[in-house]
Amino acid sequence: MKTKYLTLGLLLLGTSAFAGTPEQSSSKSKVDAGTKGTQHSAQEPNGDPSNSAVNERHNQPGEANADRQSNEQSDLDLTAKIRRSIVDDKSLSTSAHNVKIVAQNGQVTLKGPVRSEAEKNAIQQQASSIAGQPNVKNELDVQP
């Protein structure tokens, strides 16, 4: 019986020796080494790749956003047609493909970052050709 416990104890001791302690782990140093001394782009001034600050600005009361998207079938169809048109345009950047399109009672609001003034204009033109020029509000931000 003592041999059984001794064997179990040695097994546990050996396993813990291979596992190491948190201080010995190199995963943190690998992560830190990859980020130290790197320059952040103008799009990511604080190293944060998200656009949370922009999203927060768009979530003000009364602002058109995806949470307030109308569930009327005509508005859903309008949003889908505009989205399809933008995504099918392979000359646009990924940012442009992911802009927010919110339709409410036939009125369309475009929001989000795009890479250039040309992309902003292209998206405006595509949305206007589908929804009608006076029905599109362009709130796209150029962020190269």
C-alpha atoms as a PDB file:
ATOM      1  CA  MET A   1       0.000   0.000   0.000  1.00  0.00           C
ATOM      2  CA  LYS A   2       2.876   2.359   0.873  1.00  0.00           C
ATOM      3  CA  THR A   3       4.442   1.606  -2.492  1.00  0.00           C
ATOM      4  CA  LYS A   4       1.246   2.674  -4.247  1.00  0.00           C
ATOM      5  CA  TYR A   5       1.213   6.059  -2.467  1.00  0.00           C
ATOM      6  CA  LEU A   6       4.943   6.524  -2.993  1.00  0.00           C
ATOM      7  CA  THR A   7       4.567   5.868  -6.715  1.00  0.00           C
ATOM      8  CA  LEU A   8       1.618   8.266  -6.943  1.00  0.00           C
ATOM      9  CA  GLY A   9       3.545  10.942  -5.049  1.00  0.00           C
ATOM     10  CA  LEU A  10       6.590  10.605  -7.297  1.00  0.00           C
ATOM     11  CA  LEU A  11       4.371  10.748 -10.373  1.00  0.00           C
ATOM     12  CA  LEU A  12       2.730  13.967  -9.198  1.00  0.00           C
ATOM     13  CA  LEU A  13       6.061  15.494  -8.249  1.00  0.00           C
ATOM     14  CA  GLY A  14       7.533  14.646 -11.656  1.00  0.00           C
ATOM     15  CA  THR A  15       4.523  16.064 -13.483  1.00  0.00           C
ATOM     16  CA  SER A  16       4.683  19.340 -11.583  1.00  0.00           C
ATOM     17  CA  ALA A  17       8.398  19.650 -12.353  1.00  0.00           C
ATOM     18  CA  PHE A  18       7.684  19.437 -16.086  1.00  0.00           C
ATOM     19  CA  ALA A  19       4.794  21.888 -15.884  1.00  0.00           C
ATOM     20  CA  GLY A  20       6.936  24.650 -14.394  1.00  0.00           C
ATOM     21  CA  THR A  21       5.744  27.681 -12.542  1.00  0.00           C
ATOM     22  CA  PRO A  22       3.931  30.703 -14.002  1.00  0.00           C
ATOM     23  CA  GLU A  23       7.171  32.701 -13.800  1.00  0.00           C
ATOM     24  CA  GLN A  24       8.885  30.112 -16.000  1.00  0.00           C
ATOM     25  CA  SER A  25       6.206  30.213 -18.654  1.00  0.00           C
ATOM     26  CA  SER A  26       7.357  31.960 -21.817  1.00  0.00           C
ATOM     27  CA  SER A  27       3.924  32.610 -23.319  1.00  0.00           C
ATOM     28  CA  LYS A  28       3.674  36.081 -21.793  1.00  0.00           C
ATOM     29  CA  SER A  29       7.130  37.064 -22.943  1.00  0.00           C
ATOM     30  CA  LYS A  30       6.335  35.894 -26.481  1.00  0.00           C
ATOM     31  CA  VAL A  31       3.229  38.065 -26.572  1.00  0.00           C
ATOM     32  CA  ASP A  32       5.060  41.055 -25.100  1.00  0.00           C
ATOM     33  CA  ALA A  33       8.019  40.580 -27.430  1.00  0.00           C
ATOM     34  CA  GLY A  34       5.717  40.718 -30.423  1.00  0.00           C
ATOM     35  CA  THR A  35       4.193  44.033 -29.407  1.00  0.00           C
ATOM     36  CA  LYS A  36       7.111  45.910 -27.862  1.00  0.00           C
ATOM     37  CA  GLY A  37       8.520  48.649 -30.030  1.00  0.00           C
ATOM     38  CA  THR A  38       5.871  48.361 -32.718  1.00  0.00           C
ATOM     39  CA  GLN A  39       4.428  51.451 -34.309  1.00  0.00           C
ATOM     40  CA  HIS A  40       0.662  51.753 -34.389  1.00  0.00           C
ATOM     41  CA  SER A  41      -0.992  52.964 -37.542  1.00  0.00           C
ATOM     42  CA  ALA A  42      -3.048  56.133 -37.732  1.00  0.00           C
ATOM     43  CA  GLN A  43      -6.151  53.943 -37.772  1.00  0.00           C
ATOM     44  CA  GLU A  44      -5.175  52.421 -34.441  1.00  0.00           C
ATOM     45  CA  PRO A  45      -3.778  55.317 -32.409  1.00  0.00           C
ATOM     46  CA  ASN A  46      -3.818  53.381 -29.139  1.00  0.00           C
ATOM     47  CA  GLY A  47      -3.079  50.001 -30.630  1.00  0.00           C
ATOM     48  CA  ASP A  48      -6.754  49.088 -30.383  1.00  0.00           C
ATOM     49  CA  PRO A  49      -7.846  47.619 -33.730  1.00  0.00           C
ATOM     50  CA  SER A  50     -11.524  48.085 -32.949  1.00  0.00           C
ATOM     51  CA  ASN A  51     -13.522  51.153 -33.778  1.00  0.00           C
ATOM     52  CA  SER A  52     -15.306  51.188 -30.420  1.00  0.00           C
ATOM     53  CA  ALA A  53     -15.013  54.959 -30.011  1.00  0.00           C
ATOM     54  CA  VAL A  54     -16.670  55.492 -33.383  1.00  0.00           C
ATOM     55  CA  ASN A  55     -19.367  52.973 -32.516  1.00  0.00           C
ATOM     56  CA  GLU A  56     -20.035  54.723 -29.204  1.00  0.00           C
ATOM     57  CA  ARG A  57     -20.468  58.022 -31.028  1.00  0.00           C
ATOM     58  CA  HIS A  58     -23.030  56.375 -33.322  1.00  0.00           C
ATOM     59  CA  ASN A  59     -25.010  54.966 -30.396  1.00  0.00           C
ATOM     60  CA  GLN A  60     -26.276  58.306 -29.153  1.00  0.00           C
ATOM     61  CA  PRO A  61     -30.065  58.543 -28.592  1.00  0.00           C
ATOM     62  CA  GLY A  62     -31.927  59.326 -31.789  1.00  0.00           C
ATOM     63  CA  GLU A  63     -29.043  58.212 -34.031  1.00  0.00           C
ATOM     64  CA  ALA A  64     -29.801  55.676 -36.739  1.00  0.00           C
ATOM     65  CA  ASN A  65     -27.973  52.441 -35.973  1.00  0.00           C
ATOM     66  CA  ALA A  66     -28.400  48.735 -36.521  1.00  0.00           C
ATOM     67  CA  ASP A  67     -30.312  48.334 -33.246  1.00  0.00           C
ATOM     68  CA  ARG A  68     -32.879  50.785 -34.514  1.00  0.00           C
ATOM     69  CA  GLN A  69     -33.128  49.262 -37.998  1.00  0.00           C
ATOM     70  CA  SER A  70     -36.729  49.011 -39.100  1.00  0.00           C
ATOM     71  CA  ASN A  71     -38.170  45.515 -39.412  1.00  0.00           C
ATOM     72  CA  GLU A  72     -40.490  46.563 -42.223  1.00  0.00           C
ATOM     73  CA  GLN A  73     -39.901  44.228 -45.156  1.00  0.00           C
ATOM     74  CA  SER A  74     -39.341  47.154 -47.531  1.00  0.00           C
ATOM     75  CA  ASP A  75     -36.572  48.556 -45.287  1.00  0.00           C
ATOM     76  CA  LEU A  76     -34.968  45.130 -44.865  1.00  0.00           C
ATOM     77  CA  ASP A  77     -35.018  44.614 -48.648  1.00  0.00           C
ATOM     78  CA  LEU A  78     -33.559  48.083 -49.225  1.00  0.00           C
ATOM     79  CA  THR A  79     -30.723  47.424 -46.771  1.00  0.00           C
ATOM     80  CA  ALA A  80     -30.022  44.020 -48.338  1.00  0.00           C
ATOM     81  CA  LYS A  81     -29.894  45.450 -51.888  1.00  0.00           C
ATOM     82  CA  ILE A  82     -27.476  48.187 -50.863  1.00  0.00           C
ATOM     83  CA  ARG A  83     -25.300  45.744 -48.906  1.00  0.00           C
ATOM     84  CA  ARG A  84     -25.190  43.347 -51.853  1.00  0.00           C
ATOM     85  CA  SER A  85     -24.209  46.177 -54.203  1.00  0.00           C
ATOM     86  CA  ILE A  86     -21.376  47.309 -51.919  1.00  0.00           C
ATOM     87  CA  VAL A  87     -20.035  43.805 -51.253  1.00  0.00           C
ATOM     88  CA  ASP A  88     -20.129  42.937 -54.964  1.00  0.00           C
ATOM     89  CA  ASP A  89     -17.859  45.925 -55.682  1.00  0.00           C
ATOM     90  CA  LYS A  90     -14.435  44.284 -55.331  1.00  0.00           C
ATOM     91  CA  SER A  91     -12.648  47.624 -55.772  1.00  0.00           C
ATOM     92  CA  LEU A  92     -13.773  48.622 -52.263  1.00  0.00           C
ATOM     93  CA  SER A  93     -11.783  47.833 -49.120  1.00  0.00           C
ATOM     94  CA  THR A  94     -12.910  45.496 -46.366  1.00  0.00           C
ATOM     95  CA  SER A  95     -13.765  48.551 -44.256  1.00  0.00           C
ATOM     96  CA  ALA A  96     -16.029  49.814 -47.028  1.00  0.00           C
ATOM     97  CA  HIS A  97     -17.690  46.416 -47.358  1.00  0.00           C
ATOM     98  CA  ASN A  98     -18.512  46.556 -43.643  1.00  0.00           C
ATOM     99  CA  VAL A  99     -20.086  49.999 -43.343  1.00  0.00           C
ATOM    100  CA  LYS A 100     -23.321  50.274 -41.430  1.00  0.00           C
ATOM    101  CA  ILE A 101     -26.457  50.593 -43.555  1.00  0.00           C
ATOM    102  CA  VAL A 102     -29.591  51.504 -41.639  1.00  0.00           C
ATOM    103  CA  ALA A 103     -32.948  51.921 -43.374  1.00  0.00           C
ATOM    104  CA  GLN A 104     -35.912  53.476 -41.590  1.00  0.00           C
ATOM    105  CA  ASN A 105     -39.089  54.243 -43.531  1.00  0.00           C
ATOM    106  CA  GLY A 106     -37.174  54.345 -46.825  1.00  0.00           C
ATOM    107  CA  GLN A 107     -34.498  56.694 -45.442  1.00  0.00           C
ATOM    108  CA  VAL A 108     -30.994  55.202 -45.524  1.00  0.00           C
ATOM    109  CA  THR A 109     -28.119  56.211 -43.244  1.00  0.00           C
ATOM    110  CA  LEU A 110     -24.561  55.144 -44.073  1.00  0.00           C
ATOM    111  CA  LYS A 111     -22.031  55.047 -41.223  1.00  0.00           C
ATOM    112  CA  GLY A 112     -18.564  53.736 -40.552  1.00  0.00           C
ATOM    113  CA  PRO A 113     -14.967  54.076 -41.691  1.00  0.00           C
ATOM    114  CA  VAL A 114     -13.820  53.920 -45.308  1.00  0.00           C
ATOM    115  CA  ARG A 115     -10.292  54.205 -46.711  1.00  0.00           C
ATOM    116  CA  SER A 116     -10.745  57.141 -49.083  1.00  0.00           C
ATOM    117  CA  GLU A 117     -12.996  59.897 -50.342  1.00  0.00           C
ATOM    118  CA  ALA A 118     -13.422  57.826 -53.526  1.00  0.00           C
ATOM    119  CA  GLU A 119     -14.840  54.907 -51.506  1.00  0.00           C
ATOM    120  CA  LYS A 120     -17.130  57.260 -49.630  1.00  0.00           C
ATOM    121  CA  ASN A 121     -18.454  58.625 -52.912  1.00  0.00           C
ATOM    122  CA  ALA A 122     -18.783  55.164 -54.490  1.00  0.00           C
ATOM    123  CA  ILE A 123     -20.873  53.889 -51.579  1.00  0.00           C
ATOM    124  CA  GLN A 124     -23.000  57.040 -51.597  1.00  0.00           C
ATOM    125  CA  GLN A 125     -23.603  56.591 -55.329  1.00  0.00           C
ATOM    126  CA  GLN A 126     -24.520  52.912 -54.994  1.00  0.00           C
ATOM    127  CA  ALA A 127     -26.942  53.596 -52.137  1.00  0.00           C
ATOM    128  CA  SER A 128     -28.470  56.558 -53.970  1.00  0.00           C
ATOM    129  CA  SER A 129     -29.022  54.530 -57.137  1.00  0.00           C
ATOM    130  CA  ILE A 130     -31.028  52.013 -55.100  1.00  0.00           C
ATOM    131  CA  ALA A 131     -32.832  54.204 -52.534  1.00  0.00           C
ATOM    132  CA  GLY A 132     -32.934  57.514 -54.418  1.00  0.00           C
ATOM    133  CA  GLN A 133     -30.579  60.478 -53.909  1.00  0.00           C
ATOM    134  CA  PRO A 134     -32.701  62.427 -51.387  1.00  0.00           C
ATOM    135  CA  ASN A 135     -33.221  59.303 -49.252  1.00  0.00           C
ATOM    136  CA  VAL A 136     -29.541  58.710 -48.386  1.00  0.00           C
ATOM    137  CA  LYS A 137     -27.709  60.346 -45.497  1.00  0.00           C
ATOM    138  CA  ASN A 138     -23.942  59.834 -45.795  1.00  0.00           C
ATOM    139  CA  GLU A 139     -22.151  59.802 -42.435  1.00  0.00           C
ATOM    140  CA  LEU A 140     -19.151  57.775 -43.604  1.00  0.00           C
ATOM    141  CA  ASP A 141     -15.744  58.722 -42.155  1.00  0.00           C
ATOM    142  CA  VAL A 142     -12.553  58.658 -44.231  1.00  0.00           C
ATOM    143  CA  GLN A 143      -9.812  56.948 -42.222  1.00  0.00           C
ATOM    144  CA  PRO A 144      -6.827  56.060 -44.443  1.00  0.00           C
END
